[in-house]
Amino acid sequence: MKHIGALQAVVTADLSEREPTAAELDAIEDEMPLIAAEVELLDVQISLLDRPVSELDARRIRRARRQVLAARRELTNRAAPVTGVGA
């Protein structure tokens, strides 16, 4: 039986051994409020999968959605370039 295998060494780096760069860590840190808000929304949605939604639960969902939207707005406003009026 003939063995079939790679004849050359791997050229690309193994991505599982690569550490994040400082810029990637900074980007994650900037997005942490949005990530936390999305996790909170997901927690609320998961908690309501197997039961009917009460008025209190509906408020929790609305609050979590508003937090996600506010975090997205804040992140977008920080990333948007500042331009003059009428520019």
C-alpha atoms as a PDB file:
ATOM      1  CA  MET A   1       0.000   0.000   0.000  1.00  0.00           C
ATOM      2  CA  LYS A   2       1.337   3.389  -0.968  1.00  0.00           C
ATOM      3  CA  HIS A   3       1.307   6.177   1.666  1.00  0.00           C
ATOM      4  CA  ILE A   4      -0.064   9.483   0.454  1.00  0.00           C
ATOM      5  CA  GLY A   5       1.104  12.524   2.410  1.00  0.00           C
ATOM      6  CA  ALA A   6       2.373  16.054   2.058  1.00  0.00           C
ATOM      7  CA  LEU A   7       5.771  16.246   0.433  1.00  0.00           C
ATOM      8  CA  GLN A   8       6.480  19.841   1.437  1.00  0.00           C
ATOM      9  CA  ALA A   9       6.483  21.629   4.755  1.00  0.00           C
ATOM     10  CA  VAL A  10       3.506  23.789   5.612  1.00  0.00           C
ATOM     11  CA  VAL A  11       4.048  27.316   4.337  1.00  0.00           C
ATOM     12  CA  THR A  12       1.341  29.153   6.275  1.00  0.00           C
ATOM     13  CA  ALA A  13       1.449  29.623  10.017  1.00  0.00           C
ATOM     14  CA  ASP A  14      -0.826  27.591  12.244  1.00  0.00           C
ATOM     15  CA  LEU A  15      -3.583  30.009  13.297  1.00  0.00           C
ATOM     16  CA  SER A  16      -4.246  28.140  16.546  1.00  0.00           C
ATOM     17  CA  GLU A  17      -0.793  29.130  17.834  1.00  0.00           C
ATOM     18  CA  ARG A  18      -1.054  32.796  16.866  1.00  0.00           C
ATOM     19  CA  GLU A  19      -1.621  35.345  19.638  1.00  0.00           C
ATOM     20  CA  PRO A  20      -3.782  38.433  19.025  1.00  0.00           C
ATOM     21  CA  THR A  21      -1.931  41.614  18.235  1.00  0.00           C
ATOM     22  CA  ALA A  22      -2.139  44.727  20.375  1.00  0.00           C
ATOM     23  CA  ALA A  23      -4.382  46.358  17.769  1.00  0.00           C
ATOM     24  CA  GLU A  24      -6.769  43.389  17.831  1.00  0.00           C
ATOM     25  CA  LEU A  25      -6.906  43.475  21.628  1.00  0.00           C
ATOM     26  CA  ASP A  26      -7.591  47.226  21.539  1.00  0.00           C
ATOM     27  CA  ALA A  27     -10.429  46.673  19.053  1.00  0.00           C
ATOM     28  CA  ILE A  28     -11.943  44.014  21.308  1.00  0.00           C
ATOM     29  CA  GLU A  29     -11.627  46.328  24.309  1.00  0.00           C
ATOM     30  CA  ASP A  30     -13.411  49.100  22.372  1.00  0.00           C
ATOM     31  CA  GLU A  31     -16.254  46.723  21.500  1.00  0.00           C
ATOM     32  CA  MET A  32     -16.662  45.260  25.002  1.00  0.00           C
ATOM     33  CA  PRO A  33     -19.743  47.365  25.937  1.00  0.00           C
ATOM     34  CA  LEU A  34     -21.505  46.110  22.794  1.00  0.00           C
ATOM     35  CA  ILE A  35     -20.398  42.528  23.419  1.00  0.00           C
ATOM     36  CA  ALA A  36     -21.651  42.682  27.007  1.00  0.00           C
ATOM     37  CA  ALA A  37     -25.009  44.135  25.906  1.00  0.00           C
ATOM     38  CA  GLU A  38     -25.434  41.429  23.264  1.00  0.00           C
ATOM     39  CA  VAL A  39     -24.598  38.714  25.820  1.00  0.00           C
ATOM     40  CA  GLU A  40     -27.201  40.169  28.199  1.00  0.00           C
ATOM     41  CA  LEU A  41     -29.833  40.158  25.435  1.00  0.00           C
ATOM     42  CA  LEU A  42     -28.962  36.565  24.581  1.00  0.00           C
ATOM     43  CA  ASP A  43     -29.231  35.567  28.258  1.00  0.00           C
ATOM     44  CA  VAL A  44     -32.712  37.073  28.467  1.00  0.00           C
ATOM     45  CA  GLN A  45     -33.813  35.366  25.262  1.00  0.00           C
ATOM     46  CA  ILE A  46     -32.461  31.995  26.422  1.00  0.00           C
ATOM     47  CA  SER A  47     -34.181  32.311  29.780  1.00  0.00           C
ATOM     48  CA  LEU A  48     -37.517  32.760  27.995  1.00  0.00           C
ATOM     49  CA  LEU A  49     -37.271  29.830  25.601  1.00  0.00           C
ATOM     50  CA  ASP A  50     -39.317  27.391  27.654  1.00  0.00           C
ATOM     51  CA  ARG A  51     -41.908  29.584  29.342  1.00  0.00           C
ATOM     52  CA  PRO A  52     -44.503  32.173  28.393  1.00  0.00           C
ATOM     53  CA  VAL A  53     -43.389  35.780  28.391  1.00  0.00           C
ATOM     54  CA  SER A  54     -44.761  37.863  31.253  1.00  0.00           C
ATOM     55  CA  GLU A  55     -44.936  41.657  31.362  1.00  0.00           C
ATOM     56  CA  LEU A  56     -41.734  41.746  33.432  1.00  0.00           C
ATOM     57  CA  ASP A  57     -39.993  39.508  30.886  1.00  0.00           C
ATOM     58  CA  ALA A  58     -41.122  41.766  28.049  1.00  0.00           C
ATOM     59  CA  ARG A  59     -39.597  44.738  29.876  1.00  0.00           C
ATOM     60  CA  ARG A  60     -36.336  42.816  30.329  1.00  0.00           C
ATOM     61  CA  ILE A  61     -36.199  42.091  26.602  1.00  0.00           C
ATOM     62  CA  ARG A  62     -36.945  45.720  25.677  1.00  0.00           C
ATOM     63  CA  ARG A  63     -34.314  46.973  28.120  1.00  0.00           C
ATOM     64  CA  ALA A  64     -31.707  44.551  26.771  1.00  0.00           C
ATOM     65  CA  ARG A  65     -32.495  45.545  23.158  1.00  0.00           C
ATOM     66  CA  ARG A  66     -32.208  49.237  24.036  1.00  0.00           C
ATOM     67  CA  GLN A  67     -28.825  48.587  25.652  1.00  0.00           C
ATOM     68  CA  VAL A  68     -27.598  46.836  22.506  1.00  0.00           C
ATOM     69  CA  LEU A  69     -28.800  49.697  20.312  1.00  0.00           C
ATOM     70  CA  ALA A  70     -27.216  52.293  22.599  1.00  0.00           C
ATOM     71  CA  ALA A  71     -23.903  50.414  22.620  1.00  0.00           C
ATOM     72  CA  ARG A  72     -23.968  50.119  18.810  1.00  0.00           C
ATOM     73  CA  ARG A  73     -24.744  53.821  18.472  1.00  0.00           C
ATOM     74  CA  GLU A  74     -21.906  54.747  20.837  1.00  0.00           C
ATOM     75  CA  LEU A  75     -19.437  52.521  18.997  1.00  0.00           C
ATOM     76  CA  THR A  76     -20.510  53.871  15.613  1.00  0.00           C
ATOM     77  CA  ASN A  77     -20.300  57.486  16.762  1.00  0.00           C
ATOM     78  CA  ARG A  78     -16.783  56.928  18.095  1.00  0.00           C
ATOM     79  CA  ALA A  79     -15.669  55.323  14.823  1.00  0.00           C
ATOM     80  CA  ALA A  80     -17.271  57.906  12.521  1.00  0.00           C
ATOM     81  CA  PRO A  81     -14.989  60.687  11.299  1.00  0.00           C
ATOM     82  CA  VAL A  82     -15.827  64.175  12.483  1.00  0.00           C
ATOM     83  CA  THR A  83     -16.811  66.454   9.602  1.00  0.00           C
ATOM     84  CA  GLY A  84     -17.886  70.058   9.479  1.00  0.00           C
ATOM     85  CA  VAL A  85     -21.437  71.183   8.813  1.00  0.00           C
ATOM     86  CA  GLY A  86     -22.208  71.190   5.110  1.00  0.00           C
ATOM     87  CA  ALA A  87     -19.007  69.330   4.256  1.00  0.00           C
END
